[in-house]
Amino acid sequence: ILAAQLELGDQLLVLDIEGQPWAASGVYPEAEEWMREH
């Protein structure tokens, strides 16, 4: 879906991170909440 929208020189990486450990530093509290929720 997204590759069809890429322009010349764009790059796309799609990862499944659901349920995977993560760590953050210096991010907004809303960002950490989004990660916890999704």
All heavy atoms as atom14 arrays in JSON, in Angstrom:
{
  "sequence": "ILAAQLELGDQLLVLDIEGQPWAASGVYPEAEEWMREH",
  "atom14_mask": [
    [1, 1, 1, 1, 1, 1, 1, 1, 0, 0, 0, 0, 0, 0],
    [1, 1, 1, 1, 1, 1, 1, 1, 0, 0, 0, 0, 0, 0],
    [1, 1, 1, 1, 1, 0, 0, 0, 0, 0, 0, 0, 0, 0],
    [1, 1, 1, 1, 1, 0, 0, 0, 0, 0, 0, 0, 0, 0],
    [1, 1, 1, 1, 1, 1, 1, 1, 1, 0, 0, 0, 0, 0],
    [1, 1, 1, 1, 1, 1, 1, 1, 0, 0, 0, 0, 0, 0],
    [1, 1, 1, 1, 1, 1, 1, 1, 1, 0, 0, 0, 0, 0],
    [1, 1, 1, 1, 1, 1, 1, 1, 0, 0, 0, 0, 0, 0],
    [1, 1, 1, 1, 0, 0, 0, 0, 0, 0, 0, 0, 0, 0],
    [1, 1, 1, 1, 1, 1, 1, 1, 0, 0, 0, 0, 0, 0],
    [1, 1, 1, 1, 1, 1, 1, 1, 1, 0, 0, 0, 0, 0],
    [1, 1, 1, 1, 1, 1, 1, 1, 0, 0, 0, 0, 0, 0],
    [1, 1, 1, 1, 1, 1, 1, 1, 0, 0, 0, 0, 0, 0],
    [1, 1, 1, 1, 1, 1, 1, 0, 0, 0, 0, 0, 0, 0],
    [1, 1, 1, 1, 1, 1, 1, 1, 0, 0, 0, 0, 0, 0],
    [1, 1, 1, 1, 1, 1, 1, 1, 0, 0, 0, 0, 0, 0],
    [1, 1, 1, 1, 1, 1, 1, 1, 0, 0, 0, 0, 0, 0],
    [1, 1, 1, 1, 1, 1, 1, 1, 1, 0, 0, 0, 0, 0],
    [1, 1, 1, 1, 0, 0, 0, 0, 0, 0, 0, 0, 0, 0],
    [1, 1, 1, 1, 1, 1, 1, 1, 1, 0, 0, 0, 0, 0],
    [1, 1, 1, 1, 1, 1, 1, 0, 0, 0, 0, 0, 0, 0],
    [1, 1, 1, 1, 1, 1, 1, 1, 1, 1, 1, 1, 1, 1],
    [1, 1, 1, 1, 1, 0, 0, 0, 0, 0, 0, 0, 0, 0],
    [1, 1, 1, 1, 1, 0, 0, 0, 0, 0, 0, 0, 0, 0],
    [1, 1, 1, 1, 1, 1, 0, 0, 0, 0, 0, 0, 0, 0],
    [1, 1, 1, 1, 0, 0, 0, 0, 0, 0, 0, 0, 0, 0],
    [1, 1, 1, 1, 1, 1, 1, 0, 0, 0, 0, 0, 0, 0],
    [1, 1, 1, 1, 1, 1, 1, 1, 1, 1, 1, 1, 0, 0],
    [1, 1, 1, 1, 1, 1, 1, 0, 0, 0, 0, 0, 0, 0],
    [1, 1, 1, 1, 1, 1, 1, 1, 1, 0, 0, 0, 0, 0],
    [1, 1, 1, 1, 1, 0, 0, 0, 0, 0, 0, 0, 0, 0],
    [1, 1, 1, 1, 1, 1, 1, 1, 1, 0, 0, 0, 0, 0],
    [1, 1, 1, 1, 1, 1, 1, 1, 1, 0, 0, 0, 0, 0],
    [1, 1, 1, 1, 1, 1, 1, 1, 1, 1, 1, 1, 1, 1],
    [1, 1, 1, 1, 1, 1, 1, 1, 0, 0, 0, 0, 0, 0],
    [1, 1, 1, 1, 1, 1, 1, 1, 1, 1, 1, 0, 0, 0],
    [1, 1, 1, 1, 1, 1, 1, 1, 1, 0, 0, 0, 0, 0],
    [1, 1, 1, 1, 1, 1, 1, 1, 1, 1, 0, 0, 0, 0]
  ],
  "atom14_positions": [
    [[0.84, -1.2, 0.0], [0.0, 0.0, 0.0], [0.87, 1.25, 0.0], [0.66, 2.19, -0.77], [-0.95, 0.0, 1.21], [-2.02, -1.08, 1.04], [-1.59, 1.37, 1.4], [-2.81, -1.38, 2.31], [0.0, 0.0, 0.0], [0.0, 0.0, 0.0], [0.0, 0.0, 0.0], [0.0, 0.0, 0.0], [0.0, 0.0, 0.0], [0.0, 0.0, 0.0]],
    [[1.87, 1.27, 0.89], [2.71, 2.46, 1.01], [3.74, 2.58, -0.12], [4.07, 3.7, -0.53], [3.39, 2.49, 2.37], [2.44, 2.58, 3.56], [3.21, 2.54, 4.86], [1.56, 3.82, 3.47], [0.0, 0.0, 0.0], [0.0, 0.0, 0.0], [0.0, 0.0, 0.0], [0.0, 0.0, 0.0], [0.0, 0.0, 0.0], [0.0, 0.0, 0.0]],
    [[4.24, 1.47, -0.61], [5.24, 1.51, -1.69], [4.67, 2.19, -2.93], [5.4, 2.86, -3.66], [5.72, 0.1, -2.03], [0.0, 0.0, 0.0], [0.0, 0.0, 0.0], [0.0, 0.0, 0.0], [0.0, 0.0, 0.0], [0.0, 0.0, 0.0], [0.0, 0.0, 0.0], [0.0, 0.0, 0.0], [0.0, 0.0, 0.0], [0.0, 0.0, 0.0]],
    [[3.38, 2.05, -3.13], [2.74, 2.68, -4.29], [2.76, 4.21, -4.17], [2.57, 4.9, -5.17], [1.3, 2.18, -4.42], [0.0, 0.0, 0.0], [0.0, 0.0, 0.0], [0.0, 0.0, 0.0], [0.0, 0.0, 0.0], [0.0, 0.0, 0.0], [0.0, 0.0, 0.0], [0.0, 0.0, 0.0], [0.0, 0.0, 0.0], [0.0, 0.0, 0.0]],
    [[3.0, 4.74, -2.98], [3.01, 6.18, -2.75], [4.41, 6.78, -2.69], [4.56, 7.99, -2.55], [2.29, 6.49, -1.42], [0.9, 5.93, -1.33], [-0.03, 6.5, -2.39], [-0.04, 7.7, -2.62], [-0.8, 5.64, -3.02], [0.0, 0.0, 0.0], [0.0, 0.0, 0.0], [0.0, 0.0, 0.0], [0.0, 0.0, 0.0], [0.0, 0.0, 0.0]],
    [[5.44, 5.93, -2.76], [6.82, 6.43, -2.62], [7.24, 7.28, -3.8], [6.84, 7.03, -4.93], [7.79, 5.26, -2.48], [7.66, 4.39, -1.23], [8.69, 3.26, -1.27], [7.81, 5.21, 0.03], [0.0, 0.0, 0.0], [0.0, 0.0, 0.0], [0.0, 0.0, 0.0], [0.0, 0.0, 0.0], [0.0, 0.0, 0.0], [0.0, 0.0, 0.0]],
    [[8.05, 8.27, -3.5], [8.65, 9.09, -4.55], [10.08, 8.63, -4.75], [10.65, 7.91, -3.91], [8.62, 10.56, -4.13], [7.21, 11.1, -3.99], [7.19, 12.55, -3.54], [8.26, 13.18, -3.47], [6.09, 13.05, -3.26], [0.0, 0.0, 0.0], [0.0, 0.0, 0.0], [0.0, 0.0, 0.0], [0.0, 0.0, 0.0], [0.0, 0.0, 0.0]],
    [[10.7, 9.03, -5.85], [12.07, 8.67, -6.15], [12.98, 9.03, -4.97], [12.94, 10.15, -4.47], [12.54, 9.39, -7.42], [13.91, 9.01, -7.94], [13.94, 7.53, -8.34], [14.29, 9.87, -9.12], [0.0, 0.0, 0.0], [0.0, 0.0, 0.0], [0.0, 0.0, 0.0], [0.0, 0.0, 0.0], [0.0, 0.0, 0.0], [0.0, 0.0, 0.0]],
    [[13.75, 8.08, -4.5], [14.67, 8.32, -3.39], [14.09, 8.0, -2.02], [14.82, 7.96, -1.03], [0.0, 0.0, 0.0], [0.0, 0.0, 0.0], [0.0, 0.0, 0.0], [0.0, 0.0, 0.0], [0.0, 0.0, 0.0], [0.0, 0.0, 0.0], [0.0, 0.0, 0.0], [0.0, 0.0, 0.0], [0.0, 0.0, 0.0], [0.0, 0.0, 0.0]],
    [[12.77, 7.79, -1.93], [12.15, 7.43, -0.66], [12.53, 6.0, -0.28], [12.78, 5.16, -1.14], [10.62, 7.51, -0.74], [10.1, 8.93, -0.73], [10.89, 9.86, -0.43], [8.91, 9.11, -1.02], [0.0, 0.0, 0.0], [0.0, 0.0, 0.0], [0.0, 0.0, 0.0], [0.0, 0.0, 0.0], [0.0, 0.0, 0.0], [0.0, 0.0, 0.0]],
    [[12.53, 5.73, 1.01], [12.79, 4.39, 1.51], [11.67, 4.01, 2.47], [11.1, 4.86, 3.14], [14.13, 4.34, 2.24], [15.3, 4.68, 1.35], [16.61, 4.66, 2.12], [16.73, 4.07, 3.18], [17.61, 5.33, 1.58], [0.0, 0.0, 0.0], [0.0, 0.0, 0.0], [0.0, 0.0, 0.0], [0.0, 0.0, 0.0], [0.0, 0.0, 0.0]],
    [[11.38, 2.73, 2.55], [10.29, 2.24, 3.38], [10.75, 0.99, 4.11], [11.3, 0.07, 3.51], [9.07, 1.92, 2.5], [7.88, 1.27, 3.18], [7.24, 2.22, 4.19], [6.86, 0.83, 2.13], [0.0, 0.0, 0.0], [0.0, 0.0, 0.0], [0.0, 0.0, 0.0], [0.0, 0.0, 0.0], [0.0, 0.0, 0.0], [0.0, 0.0, 0.0]],
    [[10.51, 0.94, 5.41], [10.8, -0.23, 6.22], [9.55, -0.5, 7.05], [9.07, 0.38, 7.77], [12.0, 0.02, 7.14], [12.33, -1.08, 8.14], [12.71, -2.37, 7.43], [13.44, -0.63, 9.07], [0.0, 0.0, 0.0], [0.0, 0.0, 0.0], [0.0, 0.0, 0.0], [0.0, 0.0, 0.0], [0.0, 0.0, 0.0], [0.0, 0.0, 0.0]],
    [[9.02, -1.72, 6.96], [7.83, -2.1, 7.69], [8.21, -3.2, 8.68], [8.77, -4.22, 8.28], [6.72, -2.6, 6.73], [5.48, -3.01, 7.51], [6.38, -1.54, 5.7], [0.0, 0.0, 0.0], [0.0, 0.0, 0.0], [0.0, 0.0, 0.0], [0.0, 0.0, 0.0], [0.0, 0.0, 0.0], [0.0, 0.0, 0.0], [0.0, 0.0, 0.0]],
    [[7.92, -2.96, 9.96], [8.27, -3.91, 11.01], [7.04, -4.23, 11.85], [6.2, -3.36, 12.06], [9.32, -3.32, 11.95], [10.62, -2.84, 11.34], [11.41, -2.03, 12.37], [11.45, -4.03, 10.89], [0.0, 0.0, 0.0], [0.0, 0.0, 0.0], [0.0, 0.0, 0.0], [0.0, 0.0, 0.0], [0.0, 0.0, 0.0], [0.0, 0.0, 0.0]],
    [[6.97, -5.45, 12.35], [5.94, -5.82, 13.32], [6.58, -5.76, 14.7], [7.42, -6.59, 15.03], [5.42, -7.22, 13.02], [4.31, -7.65, 13.97], [4.02, -6.92, 14.95], [3.73, -8.72, 13.73], [0.0, 0.0, 0.0], [0.0, 0.0, 0.0], [0.0, 0.0, 0.0], [0.0, 0.0, 0.0], [0.0, 0.0, 0.0], [0.0, 0.0, 0.0]],
    [[6.2, -4.76, 15.51], [6.8, -4.6, 16.83], [5.82, -4.91, 17.95], [6.14, -4.77, 19.13], [7.39, -3.19, 17.03], [6.31, -2.11, 16.92], [8.51, -2.93, 16.04], [6.76, -0.73, 17.34], [0.0, 0.0, 0.0], [0.0, 0.0, 0.0], [0.0, 0.0, 0.0], [0.0, 0.0, 0.0], [0.0, 0.0, 0.0], [0.0, 0.0, 0.0]],
    [[4.62, -5.37, 17.59], [3.61, -5.65, 18.6], [4.11, -6.72, 19.57], [4.58, -7.78, 19.16], [2.3, -6.09, 17.98], [1.21, -6.27, 19.01], [-0.13, -6.61, 18.4], [-0.26, -6.59, 17.17], [-1.05, -6.88, 19.17], [0.0, 0.0, 0.0], [0.0, 0.0, 0.0], [0.0, 0.0, 0.0], [0.0, 0.0, 0.0], [0.0, 0.0, 0.0]],
    [[4.03, -6.41, 20.85], [4.44, -7.36, 21.87], [5.93, -7.46, 22.08], [6.39, -8.3, 22.85], [0.0, 0.0, 0.0], [0.0, 0.0, 0.0], [0.0, 0.0, 0.0], [0.0, 0.0, 0.0], [0.0, 0.0, 0.0], [0.0, 0.0, 0.0], [0.0, 0.0, 0.0], [0.0, 0.0, 0.0], [0.0, 0.0, 0.0], [0.0, 0.0, 0.0]],
    [[6.7, -6.62, 21.41], [8.15, -6.66, 21.53], [8.63, -5.67, 22.59], [8.04, -4.61, 22.76], [8.81, -6.33, 20.19], [8.48, -7.31, 19.09], [8.92, -8.72, 19.44], [10.07, -8.94, 19.84], [8.01, -9.66, 19.31], [0.0, 0.0, 0.0], [0.0, 0.0, 0.0], [0.0, 0.0, 0.0], [0.0, 0.0, 0.0], [0.0, 0.0, 0.0]],
    [[9.71, -6.0, 23.3], [10.25, -5.05, 24.27], [10.7, -3.76, 23.57], [11.09, -3.78, 22.42], [11.47, -5.78, 24.85], [11.28, -7.21, 24.51], [10.47, -7.24, 23.25], [0.0, 0.0, 0.0], [0.0, 0.0, 0.0], [0.0, 0.0, 0.0], [0.0, 0.0, 0.0], [0.0, 0.0, 0.0], [0.0, 0.0, 0.0], [0.0, 0.0, 0.0]],
    [[10.62, -2.68, 24.3], [11.04, -1.39, 23.76], [11.56, -0.54, 24.91], [11.29, -0.79, 26.06], [9.89, -0.69, 23.03], [8.67, -0.47, 23.86], [7.65, -1.34, 24.07], [8.34, 0.71, 24.6], [6.7, -0.8, 24.89], [7.09, 0.47, 25.24], [8.95, 1.93, 24.8], [6.47, 1.41, 26.05], [8.32, 2.86, 25.6], [7.11, 2.6, 26.21]],
    [[12.34, 0.45, 24.57], [12.88, 1.38, 25.54], [12.89, 2.77, 24.92], [13.03, 2.91, 23.71], [14.29, 0.98, 25.94], [0.0, 0.0, 0.0], [0.0, 0.0, 0.0], [0.0, 0.0, 0.0], [0.0, 0.0, 0.0], [0.0, 0.0, 0.0], [0.0, 0.0, 0.0], [0.0, 0.0, 0.0], [0.0, 0.0, 0.0], [0.0, 0.0, 0.0]],
    [[12.73, 3.79, 25.75], [12.7, 5.15, 25.25], [13.36, 6.08, 26.25], [13.44, 5.78, 27.44], [11.26, 5.59, 25.0], [0.0, 0.0, 0.0], [0.0, 0.0, 0.0], [0.0, 0.0, 0.0], [0.0, 0.0, 0.0], [0.0, 0.0, 0.0], [0.0, 0.0, 0.0], [0.0, 0.0, 0.0], [0.0, 0.0, 0.0], [0.0, 0.0, 0.0]],
    [[13.83, 7.2, 25.76], [14.42, 8.22, 26.62], [14.15, 9.58, 26.01], [14.31, 9.77, 24.8], [15.93, 8.0, 26.75], [16.52, 9.0, 27.53], [0.0, 0.0, 0.0], [0.0, 0.0, 0.0], [0.0, 0.0, 0.0], [0.0, 0.0, 0.0], [0.0, 0.0, 0.0], [0.0, 0.0, 0.0], [0.0, 0.0, 0.0], [0.0, 0.0, 0.0]],
    [[13.71, 10.5, 26.82], [13.5, 11.86, 26.33], [12.29, 12.04, 25.46], [12.18, 13.04, 24.75], [0.0, 0.0, 0.0], [0.0, 0.0, 0.0], [0.0, 0.0, 0.0], [0.0, 0.0, 0.0], [0.0, 0.0, 0.0], [0.0, 0.0, 0.0], [0.0, 0.0, 0.0], [0.0, 0.0, 0.0], [0.0, 0.0, 0.0], [0.0, 0.0, 0.0]],
    [[11.36, 11.09, 25.46], [10.15, 11.23, 24.65], [9.03, 11.81, 25.5], [9.04, 11.72, 26.73], [9.71, 9.89, 24.02], [10.77, 9.35, 23.08], [9.37, 8.87, 25.09], [0.0, 0.0, 0.0], [0.0, 0.0, 0.0], [0.0, 0.0, 0.0], [0.0, 0.0, 0.0], [0.0, 0.0, 0.0], [0.0, 0.0, 0.0], [0.0, 0.0, 0.0]],
    [[8.06, 12.41, 24.86], [6.92, 12.97, 25.55], [6.13, 11.87, 26.25], [6.06, 10.74, 25.75], [6.0, 13.69, 24.57], [6.62, 14.9, 23.93], [6.95, 14.91, 22.59], [6.87, 16.04, 24.69], [7.53, 16.02, 22.0], [7.44, 17.17, 24.11], [7.76, 17.15, 22.77], [8.34, 18.26, 22.21], [0.0, 0.0, 0.0], [0.0, 0.0, 0.0]],
    [[5.49, 12.17, 27.38], [4.67, 11.16, 28.07], [3.6, 10.56, 27.15], [3.3, 9.37, 27.24], [4.03, 11.95, 29.22], [4.97, 13.08, 29.48], [5.55, 13.43, 28.13], [0.0, 0.0, 0.0], [0.0, 0.0, 0.0], [0.0, 0.0, 0.0], [0.0, 0.0, 0.0], [0.0, 0.0, 0.0], [0.0, 0.0, 0.0], [0.0, 0.0, 0.0]],
    [[3.06, 11.38, 26.24], [2.06, 10.86, 25.29], [2.64, 9.8, 24.38], [1.95, 8.86, 23.99], [1.49, 12.01, 24.44], [0.75, 13.07, 25.22], [1.67, 14.15, 25.8], [2.9, 14.11, 25.57], [1.16, 15.03, 26.51], [0.0, 0.0, 0.0], [0.0, 0.0, 0.0], [0.0, 0.0, 0.0], [0.0, 0.0, 0.0], [0.0, 0.0, 0.0]],
    [[3.92, 9.94, 24.05], [4.57, 8.95, 23.19], [4.71, 7.63, 23.92], [4.43, 6.56, 23.35], [5.95, 9.46, 22.76], [0.0, 0.0, 0.0], [0.0, 0.0, 0.0], [0.0, 0.0, 0.0], [0.0, 0.0, 0.0], [0.0, 0.0, 0.0], [0.0, 0.0, 0.0], [0.0, 0.0, 0.0], [0.0, 0.0, 0.0], [0.0, 0.0, 0.0]],
    [[5.13, 7.68, 25.17], [5.24, 6.44, 25.94], [3.88, 5.8, 26.12], [3.75, 4.58, 26.04], [5.9, 6.69, 27.29], [7.4, 6.81, 27.17], [8.11, 6.53, 28.48], [7.76, 5.55, 29.18], [9.03, 7.3, 28.8], [0.0, 0.0, 0.0], [0.0, 0.0, 0.0], [0.0, 0.0, 0.0], [0.0, 0.0, 0.0], [0.0, 0.0, 0.0]],
    [[2.86, 6.6, 26.35], [1.51, 6.06, 26.5], [1.05, 5.38, 25.21], [0.44, 4.31, 25.25], [0.53, 7.18, 26.89], [-0.89, 6.7, 27.12], [-1.01, 5.66, 28.23], [-0.23, 5.72, 29.2], [-1.88, 4.77, 28.11], [0.0, 0.0, 0.0], [0.0, 0.0, 0.0], [0.0, 0.0, 0.0], [0.0, 0.0, 0.0], [0.0, 0.0, 0.0]],
    [[1.35, 5.99, 24.06], [0.99, 5.37, 22.77], [1.67, 4.02, 22.64], [1.04, 3.04, 22.25], [1.39, 6.29, 21.61], [0.77, 5.86, 20.3], [-0.36, 6.36, 19.75], [1.25, 4.84, 19.41], [-0.62, 5.72, 18.56], [0.34, 4.78, 18.33], [2.33, 3.97, 19.41], [0.5, 3.89, 17.27], [2.48, 3.08, 18.36], [1.57, 3.05, 17.3]],
    [[2.94, 3.95, 22.98], [3.67, 2.69, 22.9], [3.08, 1.64, 23.85], [2.89, 0.49, 23.48], [5.15, 2.91, 23.21], [5.89, 3.71, 22.16], [6.04, 2.84, 20.58], [7.21, 1.56, 21.03], [0.0, 0.0, 0.0], [0.0, 0.0, 0.0], [0.0, 0.0, 0.0], [0.0, 0.0, 0.0], [0.0, 0.0, 0.0], [0.0, 0.0, 0.0]],
    [[2.78, 2.04, 25.06], [2.18, 1.1, 26.03], [0.84, 0.57, 25.51], [0.53, -0.6, 25.66], [1.96, 1.77, 27.38], [3.21, 2.05, 28.15], [2.86, 2.69, 29.5], [3.93, 3.48, 30.03], [5.0, 3.0, 30.66], [5.11, 1.7, 30.84], [5.94, 3.8, 31.11], [0.0, 0.0, 0.0], [0.0, 0.0, 0.0], [0.0, 0.0, 0.0]],
    [[0.06, 1.45, 24.9], [-1.26, 1.07, 24.43], [-1.23, 0.22, 23.16], [-2.01, -0.71, 23.01], [-2.09, 2.33, 24.18], [-3.53, 2.05, 23.82], [-4.34, 3.31, 23.69], [-4.04, 4.31, 24.37], [-5.29, 3.31, 22.89], [0.0, 0.0, 0.0], [0.0, 0.0, 0.0], [0.0, 0.0, 0.0], [0.0, 0.0, 0.0], [0.0, 0.0, 0.0]],
    [[-0.32, 0.52, 22.24], [-0.37, -0.13, 20.92], [0.7, -1.18, 20.68], [0.55, -2.01, 19.8], [-0.32, 0.94, 19.82], [-1.49, 1.85, 19.87], [-2.75, 1.48, 19.49], [-1.61, 3.12, 20.31], [-3.59, 2.46, 19.67], [-2.92, 3.49, 20.17], [0.0, 0.0, 0.0], [0.0, 0.0, 0.0], [0.0, 0.0, 0.0], [0.0, 0.0, 0.0]]
  ]
}
